[in-house]
Amino acid sequence: MKARIRGLALLAALTMAAACGRPEAPPADSAGVVATQSGGVALADLDRSVTVAKAIRATPGAADSILAAHGLTRPGFDSLMYAIAADSALARAYTESIR
């Protein structure tokens, strides 16, 4: 009986190890941002964030419409901004572009 339980435990462990393999492609987050190999943000996402931020700054009352037009939600835009802020080079580029 103990041998059978050990065998089932080993089978379960091997199945879980096989299921926990590395993903083939980097997943996109809720903002539609696809992480680059280094874990950063793609330059297209940086450009999109600058465009959205400038539009919201110009017309704050239409923020939801602006976000929707660019395929973003408020939490998604926040996520994009945090990802940009986490990378010092992207944060610098964003700051220079937003001026």
C-alpha atoms as a PDB file:
ATOM      1  CA  MET A   1       0.000   0.000   0.000  1.00  0.00           C
ATOM      2  CA  LYS A   2       2.810   2.423   0.896  1.00  0.00           C
ATOM      3  CA  ALA A   3       4.578   1.664  -2.385  1.00  0.00           C
ATOM      4  CA  ARG A   4       1.428   2.530  -4.332  1.00  0.00           C
ATOM      5  CA  ILE A   5       1.038   5.843  -2.477  1.00  0.00           C
ATOM      6  CA  ARG A   6       4.697   6.693  -3.136  1.00  0.00           C
ATOM      7  CA  GLY A   7       4.223   5.853  -6.804  1.00  0.00           C
ATOM      8  CA  LEU A   8       1.153   8.087  -7.067  1.00  0.00           C
ATOM      9  CA  ALA A   9       2.979  10.907  -5.252  1.00  0.00           C
ATOM     10  CA  LEU A  10       5.905  10.581  -7.673  1.00  0.00           C
ATOM     11  CA  LEU A  11       3.537  10.620 -10.660  1.00  0.00           C
ATOM     12  CA  ALA A  12       1.786  13.726  -9.305  1.00  0.00           C
ATOM     13  CA  ALA A  13       5.118  15.479  -8.733  1.00  0.00           C
ATOM     14  CA  LEU A  14       6.328  14.692 -12.263  1.00  0.00           C
ATOM     15  CA  THR A  15       3.053  15.884 -13.759  1.00  0.00           C
ATOM     16  CA  MET A  16       3.243  19.174 -11.859  1.00  0.00           C
ATOM     17  CA  ALA A  17       6.893  19.668 -12.858  1.00  0.00           C
ATOM     18  CA  ALA A  18       6.034  19.166 -16.524  1.00  0.00           C
ATOM     19  CA  ALA A  19       3.113  21.591 -16.279  1.00  0.00           C
ATOM     20  CA  CYS A  20       5.301  24.317 -14.772  1.00  0.00           C
ATOM     21  CA  GLY A  21       7.571  24.715 -17.798  1.00  0.00           C
ATOM     22  CA  ARG A  22       8.734  28.068 -19.129  1.00  0.00           C
ATOM     23  CA  PRO A  23       6.339  29.903 -21.457  1.00  0.00           C
ATOM     24  CA  GLU A  24       7.288  30.181 -25.134  1.00  0.00           C
ATOM     25  CA  ALA A  25       6.415  33.863 -25.563  1.00  0.00           C
ATOM     26  CA  PRO A  26       6.138  36.678 -23.043  1.00  0.00           C
ATOM     27  CA  PRO A  27       2.518  37.208 -22.002  1.00  0.00           C
ATOM     28  CA  ALA A  28       0.691  40.503 -22.402  1.00  0.00           C
ATOM     29  CA  ASP A  29      -0.698  42.175 -19.307  1.00  0.00           C
ATOM     30  CA  SER A  30      -4.134  43.738 -18.921  1.00  0.00           C
ATOM     31  CA  ALA A  31      -2.961  46.878 -20.706  1.00  0.00           C
ATOM     32  CA  GLY A  32      -1.968  44.925 -23.768  1.00  0.00           C
ATOM     33  CA  VAL A  33       1.668  45.614 -22.978  1.00  0.00           C
ATOM     34  CA  VAL A  34       3.964  42.846 -24.121  1.00  0.00           C
ATOM     35  CA  ALA A  35       7.092  42.605 -22.021  1.00  0.00           C
ATOM     36  CA  THR A  36      10.392  42.594 -23.865  1.00  0.00           C
ATOM     37  CA  GLN A  37      13.039  39.965 -23.187  1.00  0.00           C
ATOM     38  CA  SER A  38      14.592  42.164 -20.489  1.00  0.00           C
ATOM     39  CA  GLY A  39      11.225  42.560 -18.786  1.00  0.00           C
ATOM     40  CA  GLY A  40      10.777  46.149 -19.932  1.00  0.00           C
ATOM     41  CA  VAL A  41       8.208  47.915 -22.068  1.00  0.00           C
ATOM     42  CA  ALA A  42       8.267  48.015 -25.857  1.00  0.00           C
ATOM     43  CA  LEU A  43       9.007  51.396 -27.428  1.00  0.00           C
ATOM     44  CA  ALA A  44       5.602  51.346 -29.137  1.00  0.00           C
ATOM     45  CA  ASP A  45       4.008  51.193 -25.686  1.00  0.00           C
ATOM     46  CA  LEU A  46       6.131  54.136 -24.581  1.00  0.00           C
ATOM     47  CA  ASP A  47       4.910  56.161 -27.570  1.00  0.00           C
ATOM     48  CA  ARG A  48       1.326  55.126 -26.868  1.00  0.00           C
ATOM     49  CA  SER A  49       1.605  56.179 -23.217  1.00  0.00           C
ATOM     50  CA  VAL A  50       2.975  59.598 -24.208  1.00  0.00           C
ATOM     51  CA  THR A  51       0.166  60.115 -26.731  1.00  0.00           C
ATOM     52  CA  VAL A  52      -2.487  59.111 -24.201  1.00  0.00           C
ATOM     53  CA  ALA A  53      -1.005  61.254 -21.423  1.00  0.00           C
ATOM     54  CA  LYS A  54      -0.856  64.337 -23.657  1.00  0.00           C
ATOM     55  CA  ALA A  55      -4.447  63.807 -24.804  1.00  0.00           C
ATOM     56  CA  ILE A  56      -5.690  63.369 -21.228  1.00  0.00           C
ATOM     57  CA  ARG A  57      -3.765  66.460 -20.141  1.00  0.00           C
ATOM     58  CA  ALA A  58      -5.457  68.452 -22.932  1.00  0.00           C
ATOM     59  CA  THR A  59      -8.966  67.082 -22.250  1.00  0.00           C
ATOM     60  CA  PRO A  60      -9.219  65.562 -18.740  1.00  0.00           C
ATOM     61  CA  GLY A  61     -12.998  65.140 -18.974  1.00  0.00           C
ATOM     62  CA  ALA A  62     -12.641  62.703 -21.852  1.00  0.00           C
ATOM     63  CA  ALA A  63     -10.069  60.458 -20.154  1.00  0.00           C
ATOM     64  CA  ASP A  64     -12.141  57.280 -20.406  1.00  0.00           C
ATOM     65  CA  SER A  65     -12.855  57.889 -24.095  1.00  0.00           C
ATOM     66  CA  ILE A  66      -9.190  58.572 -24.806  1.00  0.00           C
ATOM     67  CA  LEU A  67      -8.121  55.413 -23.002  1.00  0.00           C
ATOM     68  CA  ALA A  68     -10.717  53.335 -24.848  1.00  0.00           C
ATOM     69  CA  ALA A  69      -9.620  54.753 -28.197  1.00  0.00           C
ATOM     70  CA  HIS A  70      -6.099  53.518 -27.461  1.00  0.00           C
ATOM     71  CA  GLY A  71      -7.235  50.111 -26.208  1.00  0.00           C
ATOM     72  CA  LEU A  72      -6.530  50.842 -22.548  1.00  0.00           C
ATOM     73  CA  THR A  73      -8.412  50.906 -19.261  1.00  0.00           C
ATOM     74  CA  ARG A  74      -7.551  52.999 -16.214  1.00  0.00           C
ATOM     75  CA  PRO A  75      -5.904  50.035 -14.429  1.00  0.00           C
ATOM     76  CA  GLY A  76      -4.171  49.071 -17.666  1.00  0.00           C
ATOM     77  CA  PHE A  77      -2.792  52.574 -18.130  1.00  0.00           C
ATOM     78  CA  ASP A  78      -1.623  52.571 -14.507  1.00  0.00           C
ATOM     79  CA  SER A  79       0.134  49.263 -15.125  1.00  0.00           C
ATOM     80  CA  LEU A  80       1.808  50.686 -18.218  1.00  0.00           C
ATOM     81  CA  MET A  81       2.974  53.746 -16.302  1.00  0.00           C
ATOM     82  CA  TYR A  82       4.400  51.610 -13.464  1.00  0.00           C
ATOM     83  CA  ALA A  83       6.264  49.479 -16.014  1.00  0.00           C
ATOM     84  CA  ILE A  84       7.760  52.606 -17.586  1.00  0.00           C
ATOM     85  CA  ALA A  85       8.693  54.040 -14.182  1.00  0.00           C
ATOM     86  CA  ALA A  86      10.474  50.807 -13.238  1.00  0.00           C
ATOM     87  CA  ASP A  87      12.978  51.285 -16.085  1.00  0.00           C
ATOM     88  CA  SER A  88      15.136  54.386 -15.589  1.00  0.00           C
ATOM     89  CA  ALA A  89      15.927  54.806 -19.301  1.00  0.00           C
ATOM     90  CA  LEU A  90      12.252  54.550 -20.281  1.00  0.00           C
ATOM     91  CA  ALA A  91      11.252  56.889 -17.450  1.00  0.00           C
ATOM     92  CA  ARG A  92      13.767  59.454 -18.708  1.00  0.00           C
ATOM     93  CA  ALA A  93      12.525  59.071 -22.299  1.00  0.00           C
ATOM     94  CA  TYR A  94       8.908  59.412 -21.143  1.00  0.00           C
ATOM     95  CA  THR A  95       9.692  62.545 -19.131  1.00  0.00           C
ATOM     96  CA  GLU A  96      11.451  64.164 -22.085  1.00  0.00           C
ATOM     97  CA  SER A  97       8.655  63.214 -24.488  1.00  0.00           C
ATOM     98  CA  ILE A  98       5.802  64.423 -22.293  1.00  0.00           C
ATOM     99  CA  ARG A  99       7.140  67.995 -22.085  1.00  0.00           C
END
